[in-house]
N, C-alpha and C. Protein backbone atom coordinates (compact mmCIF):
# COMPACT_ATOMS: atom_id res chain seq x y z
N MET A 1 40.18 65.04 7.78
CA MET A 1 40.91 65.54 6.96
C MET A 1 42.47 66.10 7.69
N THR A 2 42.12 66.93 8.67
CA THR A 2 42.75 67.50 9.57
C THR A 2 43.30 66.65 10.78
N ALA A 3 42.40 65.80 11.63
CA ALA A 3 43.14 64.85 12.26
C ALA A 3 44.15 64.12 11.65
N ALA A 4 43.85 63.14 10.58
CA ALA A 4 44.70 62.41 9.55
C ALA A 4 46.05 62.83 9.80
N PHE A 5 46.04 64.58 8.87
CA PHE A 5 47.27 65.31 8.75
C PHE A 5 48.14 65.14 9.78
N ARG A 6 47.23 65.54 10.81
CA ARG A 6 47.88 65.56 12.50
C ARG A 6 48.66 64.41 12.85
N THR A 7 47.95 63.37 12.72
CA THR A 7 48.61 62.29 12.75
C THR A 7 49.50 61.79 12.25
N LEU A 8 49.85 61.90 10.70
CA LEU A 8 51.20 61.81 9.90
C LEU A 8 51.77 63.09 10.44
N LEU A 9 51.64 63.79 10.55
CA LEU A 9 52.57 64.80 10.82
C LEU A 9 53.49 64.41 12.13
N PHE A 10 52.40 64.58 13.35
CA PHE A 10 53.22 64.07 14.48
C PHE A 10 53.89 62.98 14.61
N GLY A 11 53.42 61.66 13.97
CA GLY A 11 54.03 60.58 13.55
C GLY A 11 55.49 60.43 12.76
N GLY A 12 55.19 61.28 11.79
CA GLY A 12 56.65 61.73 11.31
C GLY A 12 57.67 62.10 11.95
N GLY A 13 57.63 63.07 12.59
CA GLY A 13 58.30 64.10 13.35
C GLY A 13 58.94 63.31 14.94
N ALA A 14 58.38 61.87 15.21
CA ALA A 14 58.93 61.59 16.09
C ALA A 14 59.40 60.46 15.40
N LEU A 15 59.08 59.52 14.25
CA LEU A 15 59.98 58.73 13.63
C LEU A 15 61.18 59.38 13.42
N GLY A 16 61.28 60.86 12.19
CA GLY A 16 62.28 61.44 12.12
C GLY A 16 63.55 61.94 13.54
N GLY A 17 62.52 62.21 14.75
CA GLY A 17 63.85 62.55 16.01
C GLY A 17 64.24 60.95 15.99
N LEU A 18 63.54 59.63 15.89
CA LEU A 18 63.91 58.64 16.70
C LEU A 18 65.34 58.24 15.48
N THR A 19 65.15 58.38 14.09
CA THR A 19 66.20 58.27 13.41
C THR A 19 67.18 59.28 13.38
N ALA A 20 66.91 60.36 13.30
CA ALA A 20 68.06 61.15 13.74
C ALA A 20 69.08 61.26 14.61
N GLY A 21 68.14 60.51 16.10
CA GLY A 21 68.79 59.89 17.30
C GLY A 21 69.80 58.81 16.94
N LEU A 22 69.40 57.86 16.38
CA LEU A 22 69.98 56.69 16.00
C LEU A 22 71.30 56.89 14.84
N LEU A 23 70.65 57.97 14.08
CA LEU A 23 72.05 58.21 13.23
C LEU A 23 72.99 58.92 14.03
N ALA A 24 73.32 60.12 14.86
CA ALA A 24 73.83 60.64 15.21
C ALA A 24 74.64 59.59 16.35
N GLY A 25 73.88 58.88 17.08
CA GLY A 25 74.63 57.93 17.45
C GLY A 25 75.81 56.93 16.98
N ARG A 26 75.46 56.64 15.54
CA ARG A 26 76.32 56.29 14.84
C ARG A 26 77.59 56.56 13.94
N ILE A 27 77.27 57.37 13.43
CA ILE A 27 78.14 58.47 12.99
C ILE A 27 78.53 59.74 13.51
N GLY A 28 78.05 60.27 14.43
CA GLY A 28 78.14 61.44 15.09
C GLY A 28 77.37 62.36 14.59
N ALA A 29 77.27 63.39 15.53
CA ALA A 29 76.17 65.02 14.77
C ALA A 29 76.54 65.30 13.83
N GLU A 30 77.92 65.73 13.37
CA GLU A 30 78.30 65.81 12.26
C GLU A 30 78.04 65.49 11.11
N GLY A 31 78.14 63.96 11.13
CA GLY A 31 77.69 63.08 10.08
C GLY A 31 76.31 63.02 9.64
N ALA A 32 75.59 63.00 10.90
CA ALA A 32 73.96 63.23 10.99
C ALA A 32 73.57 64.47 10.17
N LEU A 33 74.30 65.30 10.35
CA LEU A 33 73.83 66.93 10.01
C LEU A 33 74.32 67.23 8.75
N THR A 34 75.34 66.34 8.52
CA THR A 34 75.91 66.04 6.80
C THR A 34 74.59 65.08 5.96
N VAL A 35 73.92 64.52 6.76
CA VAL A 35 73.13 63.55 5.66
C VAL A 35 71.67 64.38 6.11
N ALA A 36 71.45 65.08 6.67
CA ALA A 36 70.48 66.24 6.85
C ALA A 36 70.96 67.05 5.65
N ALA A 37 71.79 67.72 5.76
CA ALA A 37 71.62 68.91 4.79
C ALA A 37 71.79 67.71 3.37
N ILE A 38 72.50 66.86 3.21
CA ILE A 38 72.49 66.34 1.92
C ILE A 38 70.83 66.20 1.21
N GLY A 39 69.99 65.37 2.15
CA GLY A 39 68.57 65.22 1.88
C GLY A 39 68.03 66.40 1.57
N SER A 40 68.06 67.34 1.95
CA SER A 40 67.34 68.56 2.17
C SER A 40 67.40 69.02 0.64
N ALA A 41 68.64 69.16 0.57
CA ALA A 41 68.95 69.31 -1.18
C ALA A 41 68.63 68.58 -2.50
N VAL A 42 68.74 67.41 -2.15
CA VAL A 42 68.15 66.43 -2.70
C VAL A 42 66.60 66.68 -2.78
N VAL A 43 65.61 67.25 -1.85
CA VAL A 43 64.41 67.46 -2.27
C VAL A 43 64.37 68.90 -2.69
N VAL A 44 65.23 69.91 -2.44
CA VAL A 44 65.33 71.29 -3.33
C VAL A 44 64.98 70.69 -4.59
N ILE A 45 66.13 69.67 -5.13
CA ILE A 45 66.60 69.42 -6.52
C ILE A 45 65.05 69.25 -7.06
N GLY A 46 64.81 67.83 -6.39
CA GLY A 46 63.66 67.39 -6.89
C GLY A 46 62.67 68.18 -7.46
N LEU A 47 62.06 69.15 -6.41
CA LEU A 47 60.90 69.99 -6.61
C LEU A 47 61.38 70.89 -7.98
N LEU A 48 62.86 71.82 -7.82
CA LEU A 48 62.99 72.18 -8.90
C LEU A 48 63.35 71.60 -10.61
N VAL A 49 63.42 70.19 -10.52
CA VAL A 49 62.71 69.69 -11.68
C VAL A 49 61.52 69.07 -12.24
N SER A 50 61.05 69.14 -10.81
CA SER A 50 59.79 68.58 -11.52
C SER A 50 58.45 69.90 -11.89
N PRO A 51 57.64 69.36 -12.48
CA PRO A 51 56.64 70.44 -12.96
C PRO A 51 55.96 71.07 -11.85
N VAL A 52 56.22 71.41 -10.71
CA VAL A 52 55.86 72.17 -9.52
C VAL A 52 56.45 73.50 -9.43
N SER A 53 57.48 73.29 -9.85
CA SER A 53 58.04 74.59 -9.75
C SER A 53 57.53 75.69 -11.53
N ARG A 54 56.99 74.84 -12.48
CA ARG A 54 56.43 75.56 -13.39
C ARG A 54 55.14 76.11 -12.83
N LEU A 55 54.49 75.49 -12.14
CA LEU A 55 53.15 75.58 -11.88
C LEU A 55 52.60 76.87 -11.36
N ARG A 56 51.72 77.37 -12.33
CA ARG A 56 51.32 78.93 -11.99
C ARG A 56 49.89 79.18 -11.25
N ALA A 57 49.43 78.12 -11.68
CA ALA A 57 47.57 78.31 -11.05
C ALA A 57 47.45 76.93 -10.91
N LEU A 58 46.30 76.47 -9.98
CA LEU A 58 45.96 75.18 -9.65
C LEU A 58 45.27 74.91 -11.05
N PRO A 59 45.67 73.35 -11.27
CA PRO A 59 44.67 73.21 -12.34
C PRO A 59 42.78 73.21 -12.08
N VAL A 60 42.19 73.44 -13.04
CA VAL A 60 40.69 73.32 -12.74
C VAL A 60 40.41 71.73 -12.42
N ALA A 61 39.47 71.31 -11.36
CA ALA A 61 38.59 69.98 -10.80
C ALA A 61 37.57 69.62 -11.92
N PRO A 62 37.10 68.94 -12.47
CA PRO A 62 36.04 68.54 -13.13
C PRO A 62 34.83 68.47 -12.45
N SER A 63 33.80 69.40 -12.59
CA SER A 63 32.53 69.37 -11.87
C SER A 63 32.03 68.38 -11.54
N ALA A 64 31.20 68.33 -10.64
CA ALA A 64 30.58 67.08 -9.74
C ALA A 64 29.07 66.94 -10.53
N PRO A 65 28.43 65.57 -10.87
CA PRO A 65 27.09 65.73 -11.38
C PRO A 65 26.04 66.42 -10.51
N ASP A 66 25.17 66.41 -11.26
CA ASP A 66 23.93 67.17 -10.15
C ASP A 66 23.03 66.48 -8.94
N ALA A 67 23.18 66.14 -8.04
CA ALA A 67 22.52 65.18 -6.85
C ALA A 67 21.09 64.99 -7.57
N ALA A 68 20.18 66.10 -8.47
CA ALA A 68 18.95 66.16 -8.59
C ALA A 68 19.30 65.45 -9.62
N GLY A 69 19.93 65.23 -10.92
CA GLY A 69 19.59 64.69 -12.13
C GLY A 69 20.17 63.35 -12.14
């Protein structure tokens, strides 16, 4: 699990850097930062309107059946 997560994290960071560089080259640094700020705001708004913001405890997972039984 950890290796897969790290692969996705580092791969996503590399793709994000490439995308940011291409975007800054096309519309300039100020425009790229504006796009990043709008994207961050959309994520925050999405979290605020989702059930995640009202979650107070983790849901209990169903127990696994006995291996002996």
